[in-house]
Amino acid sequence: RENFIHLCNPHLEKMKEDILYHFALGTGTHDFPTLFGDVKFVCVGGSPSRMKAFIAYIAEELGLGSPGCDYPNICAGTDRYAMYKVGPVLSVSHGMGIPSISIMLHELIKLLYHAKCSNITIIRIGTSGGIGLEPGSVVITRQSVDATFKPQLEQVVLGKTVIRSTNLDEQLAQELMQCSKEIGQFNTVIGNTMCTLDFYEGQGRLDGAICLYDEEEKLQYLKNAYESGVRNIEMESSVFAAMCNLSGVKAAVVCVTLLNRLEGDQISSPHDVLVEYQQRPQKLVGYFIKKSLGKV
């Protein structure tokens, strides 16, 4: 059964042309079905360089590119986001924080709609702060929760507060967990992910420019988060989950933990260790894509 992108915006049908400004793409200047119609998997992450590395990795894993091959940035006309494609896989950067990924997702979802893509799976891969986990553990998100541990995104639209669900696809989470078991290279758990509005006070750090609480209060908050099911903290998952839900897209969040926040606030692991950690979500999602395409 074909599952197409659902757009929650009747106004788009009345537009002669749709300009995806932050991608430097538009329906009047680009043939979306030809360029993107075969896409089945979309992987998004914060850093442009990381998403370029991912597309090179997946190309090699799928046998679709030669070693050392360069992949052009489809969004080269802008410096806001970067986008790369190989075969049925699209790799897109989203920057840092809810506002940045929200803008990217509005245009990405419209791109997939205009391209007439179907049966799409979107996965966010990234880094996070762990709670009660060894650094290097991978967390597959069951649901994204806010800073009060509620599974919701609170957004103000036309001056009114709108609440949107932030649950993620349970079956997809289980499939990814099974893939991690088959790889057998690193610890992986399914848990809730807390999505915050900033990196310092919003995540209970003691090392920001402003901090008006003490260490005991911080640790109690993080312990409360752990007891509610939270296993990691990042800054994009809530709007990612909410927008994918509204668009009828199967979605997952797969993030590696760079530290255990119960033991400190600053990332102190050596650079080479952090590089290896950051490759773990990439390896897991790459294996999932290969398995989905019958190449494992």
C-alpha atoms as a PDB file:
ATOM      1  CA  ARG A   1       0.000   0.000   0.000  1.00  0.00           C
ATOM      2  CA  GLU A   2       1.326   3.414  -0.990  1.00  0.00           C
ATOM      3  CA  ASN A   3       1.540   5.853   1.908  1.00  0.00           C
ATOM      4  CA  PHE A   4       1.986   9.379   0.580  1.00  0.00           C
ATOM      5  CA  ILE A   5       2.938  12.532   2.466  1.00  0.00           C
ATOM      6  CA  HIS A   6      -0.049  14.279   4.025  1.00  0.00           C
ATOM      7  CA  LEU A   7       0.091  18.073   3.921  1.00  0.00           C
ATOM      8  CA  CYS A   8      -1.901  19.891   6.610  1.00  0.00           C
ATOM      9  CA  ASN A   9      -2.141  23.055   4.524  1.00  0.00           C
ATOM     10  CA  PRO A  10      -4.958  23.620   1.972  1.00  0.00           C
ATOM     11  CA  HIS A  11      -3.417  26.922   0.868  1.00  0.00           C
ATOM     12  CA  LEU A  12      -0.553  25.206  -0.962  1.00  0.00           C
ATOM     13  CA  GLU A  13      -2.917  23.872  -3.640  1.00  0.00           C
ATOM     14  CA  LYS A  14      -3.731  27.449  -4.672  1.00  0.00           C
ATOM     15  CA  MET A  15      -0.076  28.426  -5.249  1.00  0.00           C
ATOM     16  CA  LYS A  16       1.291  28.424  -8.797  1.00  0.00           C
ATOM     17  CA  GLU A  17       4.819  27.957  -7.497  1.00  0.00           C
ATOM     18  CA  ASP A  18       6.227  26.866  -4.148  1.00  0.00           C
ATOM     19  CA  ILE A  19       9.642  28.334  -3.339  1.00  0.00           C
ATOM     20  CA  LEU A  20      11.570  26.406  -0.692  1.00  0.00           C
ATOM     21  CA  TYR A  21      13.612  29.460   0.195  1.00  0.00           C
ATOM     22  CA  HIS A  22      15.991  27.934   2.748  1.00  0.00           C
ATOM     23  CA  PHE A  23      16.830  25.063   0.375  1.00  0.00           C
ATOM     24  CA  ALA A  24      17.243  27.349  -2.677  1.00  0.00           C
ATOM     25  CA  LEU A  25      14.805  25.059  -4.533  1.00  0.00           C
ATOM     26  CA  GLY A  26      11.388  25.689  -6.084  1.00  0.00           C
ATOM     27  CA  THR A  27       8.691  23.892  -8.031  1.00  0.00           C
ATOM     28  CA  GLY A  28       9.013  26.459 -10.822  1.00  0.00           C
ATOM     29  CA  THR A  29      12.743  25.907 -11.285  1.00  0.00           C
ATOM     30  CA  HIS A  30      13.272  22.250 -10.317  1.00  0.00           C
ATOM     31  CA  ASP A  31      11.637  18.970 -11.342  1.00  0.00           C
ATOM     32  CA  PHE A  32      10.987  17.494  -7.903  1.00  0.00           C
ATOM     33  CA  PRO A  33       9.625  14.067  -9.023  1.00  0.00           C
ATOM     34  CA  THR A  34      12.684  13.510 -11.230  1.00  0.00           C
ATOM     35  CA  LEU A  35      15.160  14.722  -8.606  1.00  0.00           C
ATOM     36  CA  PHE A  36      13.628  13.136  -5.503  1.00  0.00           C
ATOM     37  CA  GLY A  37      10.823  10.768  -6.535  1.00  0.00           C
ATOM     38  CA  ASP A  38      12.780   7.606  -5.664  1.00  0.00           C
ATOM     39  CA  VAL A  39      13.598   8.687  -2.094  1.00  0.00           C
ATOM     40  CA  LYS A  40      12.482   6.211   0.603  1.00  0.00           C
ATOM     41  CA  PHE A  41      14.792   7.091   3.510  1.00  0.00           C
ATOM     42  CA  VAL A  42      15.605  10.561   4.829  1.00  0.00           C
ATOM     43  CA  CYS A  43      18.268  11.012   7.491  1.00  0.00           C
ATOM     44  CA  VAL A  44      18.595  14.379   9.187  1.00  0.00           C
ATOM     45  CA  GLY A  45      21.231  15.665  11.601  1.00  0.00           C
ATOM     46  CA  GLY A  46      22.568  18.940  12.920  1.00  0.00           C
ATOM     47  CA  SER A  47      25.905  19.297  11.169  1.00  0.00           C
ATOM     48  CA  PRO A  48      26.360  19.712   7.383  1.00  0.00           C
ATOM     49  CA  SER A  49      29.728  17.944   7.504  1.00  0.00           C
ATOM     50  CA  ARG A  50      28.241  15.025   9.450  1.00  0.00           C
ATOM     51  CA  MET A  51      25.426  14.619   6.928  1.00  0.00           C
ATOM     52  CA  LYS A  52      27.907  14.692   4.052  1.00  0.00           C
ATOM     53  CA  ALA A  53      29.934  12.007   5.836  1.00  0.00           C
ATOM     54  CA  PHE A  54      26.729  10.000   6.282  1.00  0.00           C
ATOM     55  CA  ILE A  55      25.855  10.053   2.579  1.00  0.00           C
ATOM     56  CA  ALA A  56      29.382   8.907   1.703  1.00  0.00           C
ATOM     57  CA  TYR A  57      29.050   6.118   4.284  1.00  0.00           C
ATOM     58  CA  ILE A  58      25.651   4.945   3.062  1.00  0.00           C
ATOM     59  CA  ALA A  59      26.762   5.087  -0.576  1.00  0.00           C
ATOM     60  CA  GLU A  60      29.621   2.713   0.219  1.00  0.00           C
ATOM     61  CA  GLU A  61      27.360   0.459   2.320  1.00  0.00           C
ATOM     62  CA  LEU A  62      24.803   0.193  -0.497  1.00  0.00           C
ATOM     63  CA  GLY A  63      27.459  -0.193  -3.196  1.00  0.00           C
ATOM     64  CA  LEU A  64      26.264   2.941  -4.986  1.00  0.00           C
ATOM     65  CA  GLY A  65      29.430   5.047  -5.005  1.00  0.00           C
ATOM     66  CA  SER A  66      33.129   4.677  -5.636  1.00  0.00           C
ATOM     67  CA  PRO A  67      35.638   5.350  -2.815  1.00  0.00           C
ATOM     68  CA  GLY A  68      36.560   9.021  -2.592  1.00  0.00           C
ATOM     69  CA  CYS A  69      33.560  10.067  -4.679  1.00  0.00           C
ATOM     70  CA  ASP A  70      32.356  13.602  -3.957  1.00  0.00           C
ATOM     71  CA  TYR A  71      28.663  14.234  -3.396  1.00  0.00           C
ATOM     72  CA  PRO A  72      27.409  17.696  -4.395  1.00  0.00           C
ATOM     73  CA  ASN A  73      25.347  19.772  -2.000  1.00  0.00           C
ATOM     74  CA  ILE A  74      21.882  20.030  -3.572  1.00  0.00           C
ATOM     75  CA  CYS A  75      21.278  23.202  -1.517  1.00  0.00           C
ATOM     76  CA  ALA A  76      24.502  24.888  -2.632  1.00  0.00           C
ATOM     77  CA  GLY A  77      22.531  28.059  -3.413  1.00  0.00           C
ATOM     78  CA  THR A  78      22.099  28.737   0.315  1.00  0.00           C
ATOM     79  CA  ASP A  79      24.239  28.456   3.435  1.00  0.00           C
ATOM     80  CA  ARG A  80      21.329  27.588   5.742  1.00  0.00           C
ATOM     81  CA  TYR A  81      21.146  23.839   5.169  1.00  0.00           C
ATOM     82  CA  ALA A  82      23.009  21.156   3.244  1.00  0.00           C
ATOM     83  CA  MET A  83      21.394  18.263   1.361  1.00  0.00           C
ATOM     84  CA  TYR A  84      22.932  15.174  -0.248  1.00  0.00           C
ATOM     85  CA  LYS A  85      21.427  12.237  -2.112  1.00  0.00           C
ATOM     86  CA  VAL A  86      22.492   8.784  -3.204  1.00  0.00           C
ATOM     87  CA  GLY A  87      19.996   6.244  -4.524  1.00  0.00           C
ATOM     88  CA  PRO A  88      16.877   6.162  -2.303  1.00  0.00           C
ATOM     89  CA  VAL A  89      18.580   7.991   0.585  1.00  0.00           C
ATOM     90  CA  LEU A  90      18.437  11.733   1.268  1.00  0.00           C
ATOM     91  CA  SER A  91      20.728  13.276   3.910  1.00  0.00           C
ATOM     92  CA  VAL A  92      19.879  16.760   5.221  1.00  0.00           C
ATOM     93  CA  SER A  93      21.378  19.011   7.916  1.00  0.00           C
ATOM     94  CA  HIS A  94      18.991  20.834  10.262  1.00  0.00           C
ATOM     95  CA  GLY A  95      21.162  23.068  12.428  1.00  0.00           C
ATOM     96  CA  MET A  96      20.710  23.350  16.192  1.00  0.00           C
ATOM     97  CA  GLY A  97      17.493  23.696  18.171  1.00  0.00           C
ATOM     98  CA  ILE A  98      13.736  23.565  17.573  1.00  0.00           C
ATOM     99  CA  PRO A  99      13.440  26.725  15.411  1.00  0.00           C
ATOM    100  CA  SER A 100      16.153  25.587  12.994  1.00  0.00           C
ATOM    101  CA  ILE A 101      14.890  22.028  12.501  1.00  0.00           C
ATOM    102  CA  SER A 102      11.295  23.280  12.267  1.00  0.00           C
ATOM    103  CA  ILE A 103      12.085  25.513   9.291  1.00  0.00           C
ATOM    104  CA  MET A 104      13.989  22.692   7.593  1.00  0.00           C
ATOM    105  CA  LEU A 105      11.163  20.180   8.166  1.00  0.00           C
ATOM    106  CA  HIS A 106       8.476  22.462   6.708  1.00  0.00           C
ATOM    107  CA  GLU A 107      10.437  22.635   3.478  1.00  0.00           C
ATOM    108  CA  LEU A 108      11.582  18.993   3.533  1.00  0.00           C
ATOM    109  CA  ILE A 109       8.018  17.707   3.959  1.00  0.00           C
ATOM    110  CA  LYS A 110       6.843  19.922   1.087  1.00  0.00           C
ATOM    111  CA  LEU A 111       9.766  18.709  -1.048  1.00  0.00           C
ATOM    112  CA  LEU A 112       8.763  15.071  -0.471  1.00  0.00           C
ATOM    113  CA  TYR A 113       5.126  15.928  -1.219  1.00  0.00           C
ATOM    114  CA  HIS A 114       5.930  17.743  -4.474  1.00  0.00           C
ATOM    115  CA  ALA A 115       8.206  14.841  -5.476  1.00  0.00           C
ATOM    116  CA  LYS A 116       5.255  12.446  -4.972  1.00  0.00           C
ATOM    117  CA  CYS A 117       7.339  10.293  -2.625  1.00  0.00           C
ATOM    118  CA  SER A 118       5.640   7.424  -0.807  1.00  0.00           C
ATOM    119  CA  ASN A 119       6.406   5.076   2.103  1.00  0.00           C
ATOM    120  CA  ILE A 120       8.995   7.457   3.529  1.00  0.00           C
ATOM    121  CA  THR A 121      10.978   6.813   6.713  1.00  0.00           C
ATOM    122  CA  ILE A 122      12.659   9.837   8.337  1.00  0.00           C
ATOM    123  CA  ILE A 123      15.305   9.316  11.021  1.00  0.00           C
ATOM    124  CA  ARG A 124      17.112  11.962  13.026  1.00  0.00           C
ATOM    125  CA  ILE A 125      20.646  10.922  13.935  1.00  0.00           C
ATOM    126  CA  GLY A 126      22.665  12.961  16.382  1.00  0.00           C
ATOM    127  CA  THR A 127      24.339  13.426  19.725  1.00  0.00           C
ATOM    128  CA  SER A 128      22.871  13.967  23.176  1.00  0.00           C
ATOM    129  CA  GLY A 129      23.546  14.047  26.880  1.00  0.00           C
ATOM    130  CA  GLY A 130      22.736  10.753  28.574  1.00  0.00           C
ATOM    131  CA  ILE A 131      21.055  10.232  31.938  1.00  0.00           C
ATOM    132  CA  GLY A 132      22.140   7.116  33.805  1.00  0.00           C
ATOM    133  CA  LEU A 133      23.874   5.635  30.747  1.00  0.00           C
ATOM    134  CA  GLU A 134      27.517   5.046  29.951  1.00  0.00           C
ATOM    135  CA  PRO A 135      28.899   7.526  27.378  1.00  0.00           C
ATOM    136  CA  GLY A 136      28.676   6.041  23.906  1.00  0.00           C
ATOM    137  CA  SER A 137      25.288   4.410  24.539  1.00  0.00           C
ATOM    138  CA  VAL A 138      22.728   4.850  21.749  1.00  0.00           C
ATOM    139  CA  VAL A 139      19.164   5.896  22.617  1.00  0.00           C
ATOM    140  CA  ILE A 140      16.245   5.119  20.304  1.00  0.00           C
ATOM    141  CA  THR A 141      13.479   7.505  21.312  1.00  0.00           C
ATOM    142  CA  ARG A 142      10.105   6.091  22.369  1.00  0.00           C
ATOM    143  CA  GLN A 143       8.588   9.541  22.813  1.00  0.00           C
ATOM    144  CA  SER A 144       9.975  13.032  23.072  1.00  0.00           C
ATOM    145  CA  VAL A 145       9.064  14.842  26.278  1.00  0.00           C
ATOM    146  CA  ASP A 146       9.334  18.486  27.280  1.00  0.00           C
ATOM    147  CA  ALA A 147      11.256  19.869  30.259  1.00  0.00           C
ATOM    148  CA  THR A 148       8.342  18.903  32.544  1.00  0.00           C
ATOM    149  CA  PHE A 149       8.469  15.309  31.186  1.00  0.00           C
ATOM    150  CA  LYS A 150       5.186  15.592  29.238  1.00  0.00           C
ATOM    151  CA  PRO A 151       5.066  13.950  25.759  1.00  0.00           C
ATOM    152  CA  GLN A 152       4.003  17.088  23.954  1.00  0.00           C
ATOM    153  CA  LEU A 153       5.127  20.091  21.944  1.00  0.00           C
ATOM    154  CA  GLU A 154       3.644  23.371  23.112  1.00  0.00           C
ATOM    155  CA  GLN A 155       3.578  25.957  20.348  1.00  0.00           C
ATOM    156  CA  VAL A 156       1.958  29.391  20.019  1.00  0.00           C
ATOM    157  CA  VAL A 157       0.069  29.823  16.713  1.00  0.00           C
ATOM    158  CA  LEU A 158      -1.796  33.083  16.041  1.00  0.00           C
ATOM    159  CA  GLY A 159      -1.490  33.957  19.714  1.00  0.00           C
ATOM    160  CA  LYS A 160      -3.049  30.679  20.885  1.00  0.00           C
ATOM    161  CA  THR A 161      -1.256  27.772  22.555  1.00  0.00           C
ATOM    162  CA  VAL A 162      -1.393  24.563  20.505  1.00  0.00           C
ATOM    163  CA  ILE A 163      -0.427  21.181  21.997  1.00  0.00           C
ATOM    164  CA  ARG A 164       0.868  18.485  19.645  1.00  0.00           C
ATOM    165  CA  SER A 165       1.730  14.834  20.289  1.00  0.00           C
ATOM    166  CA  THR A 166       5.391  13.830  20.237  1.00  0.00           C
ATOM    167  CA  ASN A 167       5.080  10.029  20.145  1.00  0.00           C
ATOM    168  CA  LEU A 168       7.291   8.211  17.649  1.00  0.00           C
ATOM    169  CA  ASP A 169       6.661   5.046  15.636  1.00  0.00           C
ATOM    170  CA  GLU A 170       6.907   2.111  18.064  1.00  0.00           C
ATOM    171  CA  GLN A 171       7.357  -0.538  15.371  1.00  0.00           C
ATOM    172  CA  LEU A 172      10.197   1.410  13.760  1.00  0.00           C
ATOM    173  CA  ALA A 173      11.869   1.805  17.169  1.00  0.00           C
ATOM    174  CA  GLN A 174      11.681  -1.963  17.711  1.00  0.00           C
ATOM    175  CA  GLU A 175      13.092  -2.640  14.227  1.00  0.00           C
ATOM    176  CA  LEU A 176      16.036  -0.347  14.962  1.00  0.00           C
ATOM    177  CA  MET A 177      16.569  -2.059  18.318  1.00  0.00           C
ATOM    178  CA  GLN A 178      16.685  -5.429  16.583  1.00  0.00           C
ATOM    179  CA  CYS A 179      19.238  -4.051  14.119  1.00  0.00           C
ATOM    180  CA  SER A 180      21.442  -2.940  17.016  1.00  0.00           C
ATOM    181  CA  LYS A 181      21.267  -6.439  18.513  1.00  0.00           C
ATOM    182  CA  GLU A 182      22.335  -7.900  15.171  1.00  0.00           C
ATOM    183  CA  ILE A 183      25.264  -5.472  14.929  1.00  0.00           C
ATOM    184  CA  GLY A 184      26.261  -6.169  18.541  1.00  0.00           C
ATOM    185  CA  GLN A 185      28.869  -3.392  18.772  1.00  0.00           C
ATOM    186  CA  PHE A 186      27.472  -0.931  21.336  1.00  0.00           C
ATOM    187  CA  ASN A 187      24.877  -0.554  24.074  1.00  0.00           C
ATOM    188  CA  THR A 188      21.467   0.546  22.764  1.00  0.00           C
ATOM    189  CA  VAL A 189      18.275   1.287  24.702  1.00  0.00           C
ATOM    190  CA  ILE A 190      14.763   2.490  23.914  1.00  0.00           C
ATOM    191  CA  GLY A 191      13.729   5.350  26.189  1.00  0.00           C
ATOM    192  CA  ASN A 192      12.196   8.788  26.353  1.00  0.00           C
ATOM    193  CA  THR A 193      14.179  11.775  25.122  1.00  0.00           C
ATOM    194  CA  MET A 194      13.842  15.177  26.769  1.00  0.00           C
ATOM    195  CA  CYS A 195      13.828  18.025  24.279  1.00  0.00           C
ATOM    196  CA  THR A 196      14.833  21.396  25.723  1.00  0.00           C
ATOM    197  CA  LEU A 197      14.870  24.967  24.458  1.00  0.00           C
ATOM    198  CA  ASP A 198      18.540  25.580  25.220  1.00  0.00           C
ATOM    199  CA  PHE A 199      21.789  23.817  26.099  1.00  0.00           C
ATOM    200  CA  TYR A 200      22.606  25.323  29.488  1.00  0.00           C
ATOM    201  CA  GLU A 201      19.856  26.322  31.965  1.00  0.00           C
ATOM    202  CA  GLY A 202      17.223  24.342  30.064  1.00  0.00           C
ATOM    203  CA  GLN A 203      19.271  21.178  30.572  1.00  0.00           C
ATOM    204  CA  GLY A 204      20.202  21.929  34.192  1.00  0.00           C
ATOM    205  CA  ARG A 205      23.883  22.629  33.580  1.00  0.00           C
ATOM    206  CA  LEU A 206      26.043  24.374  36.186  1.00  0.00           C
ATOM    207  CA  ASP A 207      28.598  25.729  33.689  1.00  0.00           C
ATOM    208  CA  GLY A 208      26.675  28.359  31.723  1.00  0.00           C
ATOM    209  CA  ALA A 209      27.077  32.123  31.931  1.00  0.00           C
ATOM    210  CA  ILE A 210      23.914  32.211  34.080  1.00  0.00           C
ATOM    211  CA  CYS A 211      22.968  29.630  36.726  1.00  0.00           C
ATOM    212  CA  LEU A 212      20.651  30.458  39.652  1.00  0.00           C
ATOM    213  CA  TYR A 213      20.260  26.953  41.140  1.00  0.00           C
ATOM    214  CA  ASP A 214      22.636  24.675  43.033  1.00  0.00           C
ATOM    215  CA  GLU A 215      24.085  21.229  42.305  1.00  0.00           C
ATOM    216  CA  GLU A 216      21.639  19.445  44.601  1.00  0.00           C
ATOM    217  CA  GLU A 217      18.666  20.955  42.737  1.00  0.00           C
ATOM    218  CA  LYS A 218      20.216  20.010  39.408  1.00  0.00           C
ATOM    219  CA  LEU A 219      20.822  16.377  40.406  1.00  0.00           C
ATOM    220  CA  GLN A 220      17.316  16.018  41.814  1.00  0.00           C
ATOM    221  CA  TYR A 221      15.855  17.286  38.542  1.00  0.00           C
ATOM    222  CA  LEU A 222      17.919  14.848  36.461  1.00  0.00           C
ATOM    223  CA  LYS A 223      17.005  11.962  38.790  1.00  0.00           C
ATOM    224  CA  ASN A 224      13.338  12.887  38.412  1.00  0.00           C
ATOM    225  CA  ALA A 225      13.813  12.844  34.648  1.00  0.00           C
ATOM    226  CA  TYR A 226      15.401   9.383  34.825  1.00  0.00           C
ATOM    227  CA  GLU A 227      12.569   8.053  36.986  1.00  0.00           C
ATOM    228  CA  SER A 228      10.041   9.332  34.438  1.00  0.00           C
ATOM    229  CA  GLY A 229      11.742   7.280  31.705  1.00  0.00           C
ATOM    230  CA  VAL A 230      14.065   9.902  30.212  1.00  0.00           C
ATOM    231  CA  ARG A 231      17.397   8.479  29.051  1.00  0.00           C
ATOM    232  CA  ASN A 232      18.862  11.393  27.108  1.00  0.00           C
ATOM    233  CA  ILE A 233      18.522  15.124  26.427  1.00  0.00           C
ATOM    234  CA  GLU A 234      18.756  17.039  23.139  1.00  0.00           C
ATOM    235  CA  MET A 235      17.102  20.028  21.440  1.00  0.00           C
ATOM    236  CA  GLU A 236      15.197  18.909  18.320  1.00  0.00           C
ATOM    237  CA  SER A 237      13.147  15.753  18.880  1.00  0.00           C
ATOM    238  CA  SER A 238       9.815  17.272  19.977  1.00  0.00           C
ATOM    239  CA  VAL A 239       9.071  19.314  16.866  1.00  0.00           C
ATOM    240  CA  PHE A 240      10.551  16.527  14.708  1.00  0.00           C
ATOM    241  CA  ALA A 241       8.106  14.000  16.181  1.00  0.00           C
ATOM    242  CA  ALA A 242       5.139  16.398  16.066  1.00  0.00           C
ATOM    243  CA  MET A 243       5.632  17.423  12.437  1.00  0.00           C
ATOM    244  CA  CYS A 244       6.237  13.874  11.221  1.00  0.00           C
ATOM    245  CA  ASN A 245       3.065  12.742  13.033  1.00  0.00           C
ATOM    246  CA  LEU A 246       0.976  15.452  11.376  1.00  0.00           C
ATOM    247  CA  SER A 247       2.419  14.576   7.959  1.00  0.00           C
ATOM    248  CA  GLY A 248       1.813  10.835   8.278  1.00  0.00           C
ATOM    249  CA  VAL A 249       5.519   9.993   8.082  1.00  0.00           C
ATOM    250  CA  LYS A 250       7.150   7.087   9.936  1.00  0.00           C
ATOM    251  CA  ALA A 251       9.890   8.636  12.062  1.00  0.00           C
ATOM    252  CA  ALA A 252      12.575   7.767  14.604  1.00  0.00           C
ATOM    253  CA  VAL A 253      15.249   9.539  16.626  1.00  0.00           C
ATOM    254  CA  VAL A 254      18.579   7.764  17.167  1.00  0.00           C
ATOM    255  CA  CYS A 255      21.138   9.658  19.262  1.00  0.00           C
ATOM    256  CA  VAL A 256      24.392   8.650  20.915  1.00  0.00           C
ATOM    257  CA  THR A 257      25.150   9.921  24.427  1.00  0.00           C
ATOM    258  CA  LEU A 258      28.439  11.815  24.795  1.00  0.00           C
ATOM    259  CA  LEU A 259      28.387  11.885  28.610  1.00  0.00           C
ATOM    260  CA  ASN A 260      26.348  10.841  31.630  1.00  0.00           C
ATOM    261  CA  ARG A 261      24.791  14.058  32.973  1.00  0.00           C
ATOM    262  CA  LEU A 262      24.507  12.560  36.457  1.00  0.00           C
ATOM    263  CA  GLU A 263      28.308  12.646  36.596  1.00  0.00           C
ATOM    264  CA  GLY A 264      29.040  16.054  35.065  1.00  0.00           C
ATOM    265  CA  ASP A 265      28.161  18.770  32.577  1.00  0.00           C
ATOM    266  CA  GLN A 266      31.162  19.142  30.289  1.00  0.00           C
ATOM    267  CA  ILE A 267      32.162  16.763  27.507  1.00  0.00           C
ATOM    268  CA  SER A 268      35.696  15.673  28.320  1.00  0.00           C
ATOM    269  CA  SER A 269      36.261  12.541  26.218  1.00  0.00           C
ATOM    270  CA  PRO A 270      39.180  12.692  23.735  1.00  0.00           C
ATOM    271  CA  HIS A 271      38.369  13.828  20.189  1.00  0.00           C
ATOM    272  CA  ASP A 272      38.962  10.414  18.614  1.00  0.00           C
ATOM    273  CA  VAL A 273      36.603   8.779  21.139  1.00  0.00           C
ATOM    274  CA  LEU A 274      33.876  11.350  20.384  1.00  0.00           C
ATOM    275  CA  VAL A 275      34.307  10.775  16.638  1.00  0.00           C
ATOM    276  CA  GLU A 276      33.765   7.037  17.130  1.00  0.00           C
ATOM    277  CA  TYR A 277      30.711   7.690  19.328  1.00  0.00           C
ATOM    278  CA  GLN A 278      29.181   9.946  16.664  1.00  0.00           C
ATOM    279  CA  GLN A 279      29.515   7.173  14.081  1.00  0.00           C
ATOM    280  CA  ARG A 280      27.322   4.790  16.094  1.00  0.00           C
ATOM    281  CA  PRO A 281      23.889   6.210  15.081  1.00  0.00           C
ATOM    282  CA  GLN A 282      25.191   6.314  11.502  1.00  0.00           C
ATOM    283  CA  LYS A 283      26.177   2.617  11.675  1.00  0.00           C
ATOM    284  CA  LEU A 284      22.831   1.608  13.163  1.00  0.00           C
ATOM    285  CA  VAL A 285      20.728   3.539  10.665  1.00  0.00           C
ATOM    286  CA  GLY A 286      22.954   2.420   7.794  1.00  0.00           C
ATOM    287  CA  TYR A 287      22.429  -1.206   8.794  1.00  0.00           C
ATOM    288  CA  PHE A 288      18.656  -0.602   9.072  1.00  0.00           C
ATOM    289  CA  ILE A 289      18.541   0.860   5.550  1.00  0.00           C
ATOM    290  CA  LYS A 290      20.593  -2.031   4.137  1.00  0.00           C
ATOM    291  CA  LYS A 291      18.327  -4.551   5.852  1.00  0.00           C
ATOM    292  CA  SER A 292      15.185  -2.758   4.614  1.00  0.00           C
ATOM    293  CA  LEU A 293      16.529  -2.946   1.052  1.00  0.00           C
ATOM    294  CA  GLY A 294      17.428  -6.627   1.420  1.00  0.00           C
ATOM    295  CA  LYS A 295      21.183  -6.015   1.280  1.00  0.00           C
ATOM    296  CA  VAL A 296      22.153  -7.591   4.631  1.00  0.00           C
END
